[in-house]
Amino acid sequence: MTSDEISTIPKELWDYAEMPYGGLFGRSVIVRIVEEMIANHTGKYRIKDLSEIIGASENQIANILKVLLRLKLVKTENIDTRWPLYTINEKSKQAVALSLLALGVLDDRDGSNSMNAAIEHYYLDILERTFPYTFSLYSNYDAIQTYTHVKPSIQANNEINLLNSSIGCA
């Protein structure tokens, strides 16, 4: 971030402008590892790589990666069993949420709209393909409620009940 960009941020937030997630979680080693790996979600890291990037000992990095593996936020590619490659687990909902949080921090800071674009992409590429009936039904929920002025038909009631149960509102 340039000094011109920092000058547009209120002075009381300058210390947080360069911190992972805008300083929300501090600057601990685990936060910096997660931020690095989320920011470069296709990156593949060895313990030594992260040690150099983060500036922490290889032993500390290894211990933190064990925790992130247990949490299923990262996964390994054991091409070389002595020096595994670590990468973000793209199936992890936590990784998606952390990516959206990182984008939200940038959007709030810079006035951009990256998070909304990422949510739209996630919906169109992941959710709509995975749950097409549920989401098409959800988008028709208001129409079912609005255009059924009298008592809703049995089919409309069944669709509403299915929708509510699928999104946890039953």
C-alpha atoms as a PDB file:
ATOM      1  CA  MET A   1       0.000   0.000   0.000  1.00  0.00           C
ATOM      2  CA  THR A   2       1.390   3.380  -0.958  1.00  0.00           C
ATOM      3  CA  SER A   3       1.603   6.368   1.364  1.00  0.00           C
ATOM      4  CA  ASP A   4      -1.078   8.094  -0.762  1.00  0.00           C
ATOM      5  CA  GLU A   5      -3.439   5.172  -0.196  1.00  0.00           C
ATOM      6  CA  ILE A   6      -2.693   5.092   3.525  1.00  0.00           C
ATOM      7  CA  SER A   7      -3.398   8.826   3.770  1.00  0.00           C
ATOM      8  CA  THR A   8      -7.029   8.182   2.677  1.00  0.00           C
ATOM      9  CA  ILE A   9      -7.506   5.915   5.703  1.00  0.00           C
ATOM     10  CA  PRO A  10      -8.346   7.615   9.014  1.00  0.00           C
ATOM     11  CA  LYS A  11      -5.179   8.120  11.110  1.00  0.00           C
ATOM     12  CA  GLU A  12      -6.462   5.933  13.934  1.00  0.00           C
ATOM     13  CA  LEU A  13      -6.572   2.957  11.520  1.00  0.00           C
ATOM     14  CA  TRP A  14      -3.117   3.397   9.929  1.00  0.00           C
ATOM     15  CA  ASP A  15      -1.567   0.744  12.161  1.00  0.00           C
ATOM     16  CA  TYR A  16      -4.125  -1.791  10.934  1.00  0.00           C
ATOM     17  CA  ALA A  17      -4.015  -1.009   7.212  1.00  0.00           C
ATOM     18  CA  GLU A  18      -1.269  -3.541   6.476  1.00  0.00           C
ATOM     19  CA  MET A  19      -2.341  -6.185   8.993  1.00  0.00           C
ATOM     20  CA  PRO A  20      -4.030  -9.413   7.972  1.00  0.00           C
ATOM     21  CA  TYR A  21      -7.807  -9.009   7.963  1.00  0.00           C
ATOM     22  CA  GLY A  22      -7.387  -5.320   8.838  1.00  0.00           C
ATOM     23  CA  GLY A  23      -6.017  -6.196  12.280  1.00  0.00           C
ATOM     24  CA  LEU A  24      -9.229  -7.929  13.323  1.00  0.00           C
ATOM     25  CA  PHE A  25      -7.331 -11.015  14.543  1.00  0.00           C
ATOM     26  CA  GLY A  26      -3.970  -9.420  15.378  1.00  0.00           C
ATOM     27  CA  ARG A  27      -0.636 -10.449  13.855  1.00  0.00           C
ATOM     28  CA  SER A  28      -0.030 -13.867  15.362  1.00  0.00           C
ATOM     29  CA  VAL A  29       1.852 -16.442  13.330  1.00  0.00           C
ATOM     30  CA  ILE A  30      -1.265 -18.521  12.677  1.00  0.00           C
ATOM     31  CA  VAL A  31      -3.135 -15.457  11.382  1.00  0.00           C
ATOM     32  CA  ARG A  32      -0.279 -14.550   9.053  1.00  0.00           C
ATOM     33  CA  ILE A  33      -0.083 -18.131   7.720  1.00  0.00           C
ATOM     34  CA  VAL A  34      -3.827 -18.241   7.086  1.00  0.00           C
ATOM     35  CA  GLU A  35      -3.780 -14.814   5.452  1.00  0.00           C
ATOM     36  CA  GLU A  36      -0.871 -15.766   3.195  1.00  0.00           C
ATOM     37  CA  MET A  37      -2.466 -19.033   2.127  1.00  0.00           C
ATOM     38  CA  ILE A  38      -5.946 -17.545   1.617  1.00  0.00           C
ATOM     39  CA  ALA A  39      -4.522 -14.652  -0.407  1.00  0.00           C
ATOM     40  CA  ASN A  40      -2.712 -17.138  -2.668  1.00  0.00           C
ATOM     41  CA  HIS A  41      -5.285 -19.937  -2.495  1.00  0.00           C
ATOM     42  CA  THR A  42      -3.702 -21.901  -5.336  1.00  0.00           C
ATOM     43  CA  GLY A  43      -0.224 -21.601  -3.835  1.00  0.00           C
ATOM     44  CA  LYS A  44       1.695 -24.625  -2.620  1.00  0.00           C
ATOM     45  CA  TYR A  45       3.942 -24.121   0.358  1.00  0.00           C
ATOM     46  CA  ARG A  46       6.623 -26.122   2.113  1.00  0.00           C
ATOM     47  CA  ILE A  47       7.275 -25.427   5.768  1.00  0.00           C
ATOM     48  CA  LYS A  48      10.531 -23.703   4.804  1.00  0.00           C
ATOM     49  CA  ASP A  49       8.672 -21.394   2.370  1.00  0.00           C
ATOM     50  CA  LEU A  50       6.202 -20.273   5.023  1.00  0.00           C
ATOM     51  CA  SER A  51       9.003 -19.844   7.547  1.00  0.00           C
ATOM     52  CA  GLU A  52      10.765 -17.427   5.192  1.00  0.00           C
ATOM     53  CA  ILE A  53       7.585 -15.545   4.258  1.00  0.00           C
ATOM     54  CA  ILE A  54       6.196 -15.263   7.786  1.00  0.00           C
ATOM     55  CA  GLY A  55       9.490 -14.921   9.630  1.00  0.00           C
ATOM     56  CA  ALA A  56       8.817 -17.660  12.166  1.00  0.00           C
ATOM     57  CA  SER A  57      10.734 -20.846  12.942  1.00  0.00           C
ATOM     58  CA  GLU A  58      10.100 -23.965  10.887  1.00  0.00           C
ATOM     59  CA  ASN A  59       9.124 -25.784  14.084  1.00  0.00           C
ATOM     60  CA  GLN A  60       6.470 -23.167  14.885  1.00  0.00           C
ATOM     61  CA  ILE A  61       5.162 -23.255  11.302  1.00  0.00           C
ATOM     62  CA  ALA A  62       4.999 -27.071  11.375  1.00  0.00           C
ATOM     63  CA  ASN A  63       3.005 -27.059  14.622  1.00  0.00           C
ATOM     64  CA  ILE A  64       0.543 -24.513  13.280  1.00  0.00           C
ATOM     65  CA  LEU A  65       0.106 -26.445  10.020  1.00  0.00           C
ATOM     66  CA  LYS A  66      -0.782 -29.533  12.087  1.00  0.00           C
ATOM     67  CA  VAL A  67      -3.588 -27.520  13.696  1.00  0.00           C
ATOM     68  CA  LEU A  68      -4.782 -26.209  10.311  1.00  0.00           C
ATOM     69  CA  LEU A  69      -4.735 -29.774   8.944  1.00  0.00           C
ATOM     70  CA  ARG A  70      -6.898 -30.982  11.855  1.00  0.00           C
ATOM     71  CA  LEU A  71      -9.280 -28.099  11.174  1.00  0.00           C
ATOM     72  CA  LYS A  72      -9.332 -29.167   7.490  1.00  0.00           C
ATOM     73  CA  LEU A  73      -8.463 -25.630   6.398  1.00  0.00           C
ATOM     74  CA  VAL A  74      -5.327 -26.891   4.654  1.00  0.00           C
ATOM     75  CA  LYS A  75      -4.374 -30.163   3.010  1.00  0.00           C
ATOM     76  CA  THR A  76      -1.114 -31.732   1.974  1.00  0.00           C
ATOM     77  CA  GLU A  77       0.236 -33.090  -1.245  1.00  0.00           C
ATOM     78  CA  ASN A  78       2.741 -35.749  -0.305  1.00  0.00           C
ATOM     79  CA  ILE A  79       4.873 -35.718  -3.414  1.00  0.00           C
ATOM     80  CA  ASP A  80       7.898 -35.938  -1.131  1.00  0.00           C
ATOM     81  CA  THR A  81       6.970 -37.397   2.266  1.00  0.00           C
ATOM     82  CA  ARG A  82       9.848 -35.577   3.967  1.00  0.00           C
ATOM     83  CA  TRP A  83       8.812 -32.173   2.581  1.00  0.00           C
ATOM     84  CA  PRO A  84       5.043 -32.156   1.951  1.00  0.00           C
ATOM     85  CA  LEU A  85       3.379 -29.297   0.110  1.00  0.00           C
ATOM     86  CA  TYR A  86       0.601 -27.501   1.974  1.00  0.00           C
ATOM     87  CA  THR A  87      -2.267 -25.789   0.222  1.00  0.00           C
ATOM     88  CA  ILE A  88      -5.684 -24.393   1.102  1.00  0.00           C
ATOM     89  CA  ASN A  89      -8.415 -27.028   1.147  1.00  0.00           C
ATOM     90  CA  GLU A  90     -10.695 -25.636  -1.567  1.00  0.00           C
ATOM     91  CA  LYS A  91     -13.603 -27.697  -0.185  1.00  0.00           C
ATOM     92  CA  SER A  92     -13.382 -25.984   3.198  1.00  0.00           C
ATOM     93  CA  LYS A  93     -16.258 -23.664   4.037  1.00  0.00           C
ATOM     94  CA  GLN A  94     -13.876 -21.953   6.461  1.00  0.00           C
ATOM     95  CA  ALA A  95     -11.590 -21.083   3.539  1.00  0.00           C
ATOM     96  CA  VAL A  96     -14.528 -19.593   1.633  1.00  0.00           C
ATOM     97  CA  ALA A  97     -15.596 -17.562   4.670  1.00  0.00           C
ATOM     98  CA  LEU A  98     -12.054 -16.307   5.307  1.00  0.00           C
ATOM     99  CA  SER A  99     -11.686 -15.345   1.646  1.00  0.00           C
ATOM    100  CA  LEU A 100     -14.935 -13.381   1.810  1.00  0.00           C
ATOM    101  CA  LEU A 101     -13.816 -11.721   5.048  1.00  0.00           C
ATOM    102  CA  ALA A 102     -10.521 -10.676   3.456  1.00  0.00           C
ATOM    103  CA  LEU A 103     -12.415  -9.209   0.505  1.00  0.00           C
ATOM    104  CA  GLY A 104     -14.872  -7.472   2.841  1.00  0.00           C
ATOM    105  CA  VAL A 105     -12.006  -5.819   4.710  1.00  0.00           C
ATOM    106  CA  LEU A 106     -10.576  -4.573   1.405  1.00  0.00           C
ATOM    107  CA  ASP A 107     -13.989  -3.387   0.220  1.00  0.00           C
ATOM    108  CA  ASP A 108     -14.594  -1.430   3.425  1.00  0.00           C
ATOM    109  CA  ARG A 109     -11.130   0.071   3.285  1.00  0.00           C
ATOM    110  CA  ASP A 110     -10.998   0.860  -0.445  1.00  0.00           C
ATOM    111  CA  GLY A 111     -14.660   1.289  -1.333  1.00  0.00           C
ATOM    112  CA  SER A 112     -14.479  -1.584  -3.806  1.00  0.00           C
ATOM    113  CA  ASN A 113     -17.064  -4.296  -4.495  1.00  0.00           C
ATOM    114  CA  SER A 114     -14.931  -7.455  -4.582  1.00  0.00           C
ATOM    115  CA  MET A 115     -16.833  -9.405  -1.942  1.00  0.00           C
ATOM    116  CA  ASN A 116     -20.157  -9.082  -3.755  1.00  0.00           C
ATOM    117  CA  ALA A 117     -18.553 -10.278  -6.983  1.00  0.00           C
ATOM    118  CA  ALA A 118     -17.057 -13.261  -5.143  1.00  0.00           C
ATOM    119  CA  ILE A 119     -20.412 -14.114  -3.559  1.00  0.00           C
ATOM    120  CA  GLU A 120     -22.096 -13.968  -6.958  1.00  0.00           C
ATOM    121  CA  HIS A 121     -19.381 -16.214  -8.419  1.00  0.00           C
ATOM    122  CA  TYR A 122     -19.749 -18.665  -5.503  1.00  0.00           C
ATOM    123  CA  TYR A 123     -23.516 -18.758  -5.948  1.00  0.00           C
ATOM    124  CA  LEU A 124     -23.428 -19.213  -9.725  1.00  0.00           C
ATOM    125  CA  ASP A 125     -20.533 -21.688  -9.866  1.00  0.00           C
ATOM    126  CA  ILE A 126     -21.054 -23.694  -6.688  1.00  0.00           C
ATOM    127  CA  LEU A 127     -24.426 -23.315  -5.019  1.00  0.00           C
ATOM    128  CA  GLU A 128     -26.716 -23.094  -8.022  1.00  0.00           C
ATOM    129  CA  ARG A 129     -25.177 -26.235  -9.553  1.00  0.00           C
ATOM    130  CA  THR A 130     -25.228 -28.101  -6.249  1.00  0.00           C
ATOM    131  CA  PHE A 131     -28.751 -27.157  -5.169  1.00  0.00           C
ATOM    132  CA  PRO A 132     -30.561 -25.981  -8.326  1.00  0.00           C
ATOM    133  CA  TYR A 133     -34.047 -26.897  -7.156  1.00  0.00           C
ATOM    134  CA  THR A 134     -33.692 -25.307  -3.733  1.00  0.00           C
ATOM    135  CA  PHE A 135     -32.362 -22.021  -5.059  1.00  0.00           C
ATOM    136  CA  SER A 136     -34.829 -21.761  -7.913  1.00  0.00           C
ATOM    137  CA  LEU A 137     -37.569 -22.509  -5.402  1.00  0.00           C
ATOM    138  CA  TYR A 138     -36.143 -19.912  -3.023  1.00  0.00           C
ATOM    139  CA  SER A 139     -36.179 -17.285  -5.750  1.00  0.00           C
ATOM    140  CA  ASN A 140     -39.836 -18.159  -6.383  1.00  0.00           C
ATOM    141  CA  TYR A 141     -40.741 -17.995  -2.668  1.00  0.00           C
ATOM    142  CA  ASP A 142     -41.915 -14.378  -2.822  1.00  0.00           C
ATOM    143  CA  ALA A 143     -43.831 -15.073  -6.019  1.00  0.00           C
ATOM    144  CA  ILE A 144     -45.602 -18.001  -4.360  1.00  0.00           C
ATOM    145  CA  GLN A 145     -46.481 -15.847  -1.346  1.00  0.00           C
ATOM    146  CA  THR A 146     -47.369 -12.759  -3.400  1.00  0.00           C
ATOM    147  CA  TYR A 147     -49.498 -14.329  -6.123  1.00  0.00           C
ATOM    148  CA  THR A 148     -51.414 -16.679  -3.883  1.00  0.00           C
ATOM    149  CA  HIS A 149     -53.844 -14.121  -2.515  1.00  0.00           C
ATOM    150  CA  VAL A 150     -56.345 -16.655  -1.408  1.00  0.00           C
ATOM    151  CA  LYS A 151     -55.417 -19.811   0.415  1.00  0.00           C
ATOM    152  CA  PRO A 152     -52.166 -21.167  -1.146  1.00  0.00           C
ATOM    153  CA  SER A 153     -52.602 -24.295  -3.186  1.00  0.00           C
ATOM    154  CA  ILE A 154     -51.470 -27.618  -1.758  1.00  0.00           C
ATOM    155  CA  GLN A 155     -48.541 -27.599  -4.220  1.00  0.00           C
ATOM    156  CA  ALA A 156     -47.507 -24.075  -3.161  1.00  0.00           C
ATOM    157  CA  ASN A 157     -47.723 -25.079   0.510  1.00  0.00           C
ATOM    158  CA  ASN A 158     -45.618 -28.171  -0.176  1.00  0.00           C
ATOM    159  CA  GLU A 159     -43.007 -26.068  -2.004  1.00  0.00           C
ATOM    160  CA  ILE A 160     -42.928 -23.510   0.818  1.00  0.00           C
ATOM    161  CA  ASN A 161     -42.555 -26.267   3.418  1.00  0.00           C
ATOM    162  CA  LEU A 162     -39.785 -27.915   1.379  1.00  0.00           C
ATOM    163  CA  LEU A 163     -38.011 -24.581   1.036  1.00  0.00           C
ATOM    164  CA  ASN A 164     -38.307 -23.815   4.728  1.00  0.00           C
ATOM    165  CA  SER A 165     -36.996 -27.233   5.739  1.00  0.00           C
ATOM    166  CA  SER A 166     -34.101 -27.044   3.270  1.00  0.00           C
ATOM    167  CA  ILE A 167     -32.925 -23.699   4.663  1.00  0.00           C
ATOM    168  CA  GLY A 168     -33.549 -24.641   8.276  1.00  0.00           C
ATOM    169  CA  CYS A 169     -36.741 -22.652   8.904  1.00  0.00           C
ATOM    170  CA  ALA A 170     -39.098 -25.567   9.482  1.00  0.00           C
END
